[in-house]
Amino acid sequence: MANPALRFDELYAQALRGDLAGRGVLSADERFAVQLGSLAALDLGPTELTGELSALLKEGCSPELAEDVLVQMAAYLGYPRTRRCMASLNAALASLGQGCGPLAPAGLSDAERYASGIADYARLNPDALTTIKTAFGDLAPHVIELTFRTFGDVYAASRQSLQVRQLATIAALGVLGSAAPQLRFHIGAGRYVGLTEAQLVEVIAWVQFFAGAPAAYNALIELKASLAEGAAATPAYQ
């Protein structure tokens, strides 16, 4: 009798390589960004995550792309999870004898961090800050300030294009499965910065691989809603 674990490994490889990786809808870097965001959202154990990241690096994902995408996840998945992801990335890089170039220098003032976050986030949606302040400014102004400081720290410092950043964020939120309004916002922001409908559907195909059909179809609901609203539509909050 065949080993069930080995049999499933064959199914895994078929779904990954045969069904998704070779489709050509996304560029290599775009696909890597989607995979990185998805892996971060899964909150895997350190050994498994290190192995997955090592595989992506061996396949051609650059250390800088991996670092930028994972650091970006602090804004969407939190700092502790991102810290664990970075530890796994460092372990994967060390095992391959690789390293990363430096991120943008730290040491900015709180006001500079906030200004940087606002300026870069406006490139996704110029109305986002006004919308968030209108919705929550009277209740939690400090939370809003912290939000955009975080974006200044981990988003504005990215070396990646807006399209790559949005693909990673959409993938992470789709796999996370508990942030439908934010997913819809980021789908709309992705369209605003030039992502096509085909690219967005492709991200959701990867969501299905990483998180299953329910998560994928929930993401499709948000995509359809975003398409109906228009590319510049903004929900009640980011």
Protein backbone atom coordinates (compact mmCIF):
# COMPACT_ATOMS: atom_id res chain seq x y z
CA MET A 1 0.00 0.00 0.00
CA ALA A 2 1.33 3.44 -0.95
CA ASN A 3 2.44 5.79 1.82
CA PRO A 4 -0.43 8.32 2.25
CA ALA A 5 1.99 11.12 3.10
CA LEU A 6 3.96 10.55 -0.08
CA ARG A 7 0.76 10.40 -2.08
CA PHE A 8 -0.32 13.76 -0.69
CA ASP A 9 3.11 15.21 -1.49
CA GLU A 10 2.36 14.33 -5.11
CA LEU A 11 -1.00 16.11 -4.93
CA TYR A 12 0.66 19.13 -3.31
CA ALA A 13 3.28 19.35 -6.05
CA GLN A 14 0.64 18.94 -8.75
CA ALA A 15 -1.48 21.77 -7.34
CA LEU A 16 1.54 24.03 -6.84
CA ARG A 17 3.52 23.39 -9.99
CA GLY A 18 0.94 22.13 -12.42
CA ASP A 19 -2.12 24.16 -11.53
CA LEU A 20 -0.62 27.49 -10.45
CA ALA A 21 3.09 28.22 -10.79
CA GLY A 22 3.26 27.88 -14.55
CA ARG A 23 0.15 29.84 -15.53
CA GLY A 24 2.06 32.99 -16.47
CA VAL A 25 -0.55 35.53 -15.36
CA LEU A 26 1.84 37.02 -12.82
CA SER A 27 5.51 37.81 -13.30
CA ALA A 28 7.97 35.82 -11.21
CA ASP A 29 8.38 38.62 -8.65
CA GLU A 30 4.62 39.15 -8.46
CA ARG A 31 4.10 35.45 -7.84
CA PHE A 32 6.82 35.40 -5.19
CA ALA A 33 5.16 38.37 -3.46
CA VAL A 34 1.82 36.54 -3.41
CA GLN A 35 3.43 33.41 -2.00
CA LEU A 36 5.34 35.39 0.65
CA GLY A 37 2.26 37.27 1.82
CA SER A 38 0.26 34.05 1.93
CA LEU A 39 2.91 32.16 3.91
CA ALA A 40 3.16 34.99 6.43
CA ALA A 41 -0.60 34.97 6.95
CA LEU A 42 -0.63 31.24 7.64
CA ASP A 43 1.48 31.66 10.80
CA LEU A 44 3.45 28.47 10.17
CA GLY A 45 5.90 27.01 12.64
CA PRO A 46 9.51 28.16 12.28
CA THR A 47 10.86 24.97 10.72
CA GLU A 48 8.13 24.73 8.11
CA LEU A 49 8.26 28.44 7.27
CA THR A 50 12.05 28.37 6.95
CA GLY A 51 11.72 25.46 4.54
CA GLU A 52 9.09 27.27 2.44
CA LEU A 53 11.18 30.44 2.30
CA SER A 54 14.29 28.48 1.38
CA ALA A 55 12.38 26.91 -1.51
CA LEU A 56 11.32 30.34 -2.81
CA LEU A 57 14.87 31.68 -2.55
CA LYS A 58 16.22 28.66 -4.43
CA GLU A 59 13.59 29.22 -7.10
CA GLY A 60 14.84 32.76 -7.68
CA CYS A 61 13.08 35.03 -5.20
CA SER A 62 15.56 37.77 -4.29
CA PRO A 63 16.44 38.28 -0.61
CA GLU A 64 15.42 41.93 -0.93
CA LEU A 65 11.94 41.04 -2.23
CA ALA A 66 11.46 38.50 0.56
CA GLU A 67 12.59 40.99 3.19
CA ASP A 68 10.45 43.85 1.88
CA VAL A 69 7.27 41.78 1.63
CA LEU A 70 7.66 40.18 5.05
CA VAL A 71 8.51 43.47 6.76
CA GLN A 72 5.44 45.02 5.10
CA MET A 73 3.29 42.37 6.78
CA ALA A 74 3.80 44.08 10.16
CA ALA A 75 1.11 46.56 9.10
CA TYR A 76 -1.41 43.81 8.37
CA LEU A 77 -0.47 40.79 10.48
CA GLY A 78 1.17 42.48 13.47
CA TYR A 79 4.72 42.81 14.73
CA PRO A 80 5.10 39.50 16.64
CA ARG A 81 4.11 37.37 13.65
CA THR A 82 6.32 39.42 11.36
CA ARG A 83 9.21 39.05 13.78
CA ARG A 84 8.83 35.26 13.56
CA CYS A 85 8.71 35.49 9.77
CA MET A 86 11.92 37.51 9.71
CA ALA A 87 13.64 34.99 11.96
CA SER A 88 12.70 32.25 9.51
CA LEU A 89 13.90 34.35 6.58
CA ASN A 90 17.24 34.94 8.30
CA ALA A 91 17.56 31.20 8.91
CA ALA A 92 16.72 30.44 5.29
CA LEU A 93 19.23 33.00 4.01
CA ALA A 94 21.94 31.70 6.33
CA SER A 95 21.38 28.15 5.14
CA LEU A 96 21.91 29.32 1.55
CA GLY A 97 24.80 31.67 2.31
CA GLN A 98 22.79 34.72 1.22
CA GLY A 99 21.97 38.09 2.75
CA CYS A 100 19.93 41.24 2.18
CA GLY A 101 20.84 44.80 1.32
CA PRO A 102 20.02 47.48 3.89
CA LEU A 103 16.53 48.87 4.33
CA ALA A 104 15.99 52.62 4.50
CA PRO A 105 17.78 54.08 7.54
CA ALA A 106 15.94 54.13 10.86
CA GLY A 107 16.00 56.98 13.35
CA LEU A 108 13.20 59.13 11.94
CA SER A 109 11.17 61.21 14.35
CA ASP A 110 7.57 60.24 15.06
CA ALA A 111 6.39 63.16 12.94
CA GLU A 112 8.61 62.04 10.04
CA ARG A 113 7.38 58.45 10.32
CA TYR A 114 3.77 59.66 10.26
CA ALA A 115 4.36 62.01 7.32
CA SER A 116 6.14 59.28 5.37
CA GLY A 117 3.30 56.84 5.97
CA ILE A 118 0.65 59.33 4.90
CA ALA A 119 2.53 60.33 1.75
CA ASP A 120 3.18 56.79 0.59
CA TYR A 121 -0.27 55.51 1.47
CA ALA A 122 -1.86 58.32 -0.54
CA ARG A 123 -0.38 56.66 -3.60
CA LEU A 124 -2.80 53.78 -3.01
CA ASN A 125 -5.84 55.93 -2.31
CA PRO A 126 -5.63 59.72 -1.94
CA ASP A 127 -8.81 59.78 0.16
CA ALA A 128 -7.82 57.07 2.65
CA LEU A 129 -6.60 59.28 5.50
CA THR A 130 -9.61 61.61 5.30
CA THR A 131 -11.98 58.66 5.26
CA ILE A 132 -10.33 57.01 8.28
CA LYS A 133 -10.26 60.28 10.25
CA THR A 134 -13.91 60.90 9.47
CA ALA A 135 -14.85 57.43 10.66
CA PHE A 136 -12.63 57.12 13.73
CA GLY A 137 -10.84 60.41 14.39
CA ASP A 138 -13.10 61.41 17.28
CA LEU A 139 -12.87 57.95 18.87
CA ALA A 140 -9.26 56.85 18.41
CA PRO A 141 -6.96 59.53 16.94
CA HIS A 142 -3.91 57.92 18.55
CA VAL A 143 -4.65 54.59 16.85
CA ILE A 144 -4.79 56.35 13.49
CA GLU A 145 -1.47 58.06 14.20
CA LEU A 146 0.12 54.73 15.12
CA THR A 147 -1.30 53.16 11.97
CA PHE A 148 0.43 55.65 9.71
CA ARG A 149 3.65 55.58 11.70
CA THR A 150 3.68 51.86 11.00
CA PHE A 151 3.14 52.50 7.32
CA GLY A 152 6.03 54.95 7.43
CA ASP A 153 8.23 52.33 9.06
CA VAL A 154 7.44 49.24 7.02
CA TYR A 155 5.55 50.27 3.91
CA ALA A 156 7.15 53.48 2.69
CA ALA A 157 10.60 51.92 3.20
CA SER A 158 9.86 49.14 0.70
CA ARG A 159 11.98 48.86 -2.44
CA GLN A 160 9.15 47.17 -4.33
CA SER A 161 6.60 48.61 -6.75
CA LEU A 162 3.12 49.51 -5.56
CA GLN A 163 1.71 46.67 -7.65
CA VAL A 164 3.95 44.08 -5.99
CA ARG A 165 3.16 45.46 -2.55
CA GLN A 166 -0.58 45.30 -3.18
CA LEU A 167 -0.42 41.76 -4.50
CA ALA A 168 1.29 40.66 -1.31
CA THR A 169 -1.23 42.49 0.89
CA ILE A 170 -4.26 41.14 -0.97
CA ALA A 171 -2.90 37.61 -0.73
CA ALA A 172 -2.21 37.94 3.00
CA LEU A 173 -5.64 39.38 3.78
CA GLY A 174 -7.36 36.73 1.65
CA VAL A 175 -5.51 33.91 3.39
CA LEU A 176 -6.08 35.51 6.79
CA GLY A 177 -9.81 35.32 6.11
CA SER A 178 -10.95 37.70 8.85
CA ALA A 179 -10.54 41.14 7.29
CA ALA A 180 -13.18 41.44 4.55
CA PRO A 181 -13.53 45.28 4.58
CA GLN A 182 -9.76 45.71 4.46
CA LEU A 183 -9.50 43.12 1.69
CA ARG A 184 -12.06 45.01 -0.37
CA PHE A 185 -10.17 48.26 0.21
CA HIS A 186 -6.88 46.76 -0.91
CA ILE A 187 -8.43 45.15 -3.96
CA GLY A 188 -9.70 48.63 -4.91
CA ALA A 189 -6.29 50.12 -4.14
CA GLY A 190 -4.68 47.44 -6.28
CA ARG A 191 -6.88 48.42 -9.19
CA TYR A 192 -6.06 52.08 -8.51
CA VAL A 193 -2.33 51.38 -8.93
CA GLY A 194 -2.80 49.33 -12.09
CA LEU A 195 -3.50 45.71 -11.20
CA THR A 196 -5.77 44.04 -13.72
CA GLU A 197 -8.82 41.92 -13.02
CA ALA A 198 -6.90 38.89 -14.28
CA GLN A 199 -4.08 39.52 -11.81
CA LEU A 200 -6.53 39.89 -8.93
CA VAL A 201 -8.31 36.66 -9.84
CA GLU A 202 -4.92 34.95 -10.00
CA VAL A 203 -4.12 36.08 -6.46
CA ILE A 204 -7.38 34.52 -5.31
CA ALA A 205 -6.41 31.25 -7.01
CA TRP A 206 -3.32 31.28 -4.80
CA VAL A 207 -5.50 32.05 -1.78
CA GLN A 208 -7.37 28.85 -2.54
CA PHE A 209 -4.11 26.89 -2.59
CA PHE A 210 -2.94 28.28 0.73
CA ALA A 211 -6.21 28.66 2.66
CA GLY A 212 -8.83 26.59 0.88
CA ALA A 213 -11.93 27.19 -1.24
CA PRO A 214 -14.02 29.02 1.41
CA ALA A 215 -11.33 31.69 1.82
CA ALA A 216 -10.99 32.01 -1.96
CA TYR A 217 -14.70 32.41 -2.59
CA ASN A 218 -15.01 34.93 0.24
CA ALA A 219 -12.23 36.86 -1.50
CA LEU A 220 -14.12 36.61 -4.80
CA ILE A 221 -17.13 38.19 -3.09
CA GLU A 222 -14.94 41.16 -2.14
CA LEU A 223 -13.49 41.35 -5.64
CA LYS A 224 -16.95 41.46 -7.21
CA ALA A 225 -18.01 44.14 -4.73
CA SER A 226 -14.93 46.21 -5.53
CA LEU A 227 -15.55 45.88 -9.26
CA ALA A 228 -19.14 47.03 -8.75
CA GLU A 229 -18.04 50.02 -6.64
CA GLY A 230 -15.33 51.20 -9.02
CA ALA A 231 -11.56 51.38 -8.66
CA ALA A 232 -11.47 54.49 -6.48
CA ALA A 233 -14.19 53.43 -4.03
CA THR A 234 -13.21 53.59 -0.36
CA PRO A 235 -14.92 51.57 2.38
CA ALA A 236 -15.66 52.84 5.87
CA TYR A 237 -12.12 52.12 7.04
CA GLN A 238 -8.75 50.84 5.83
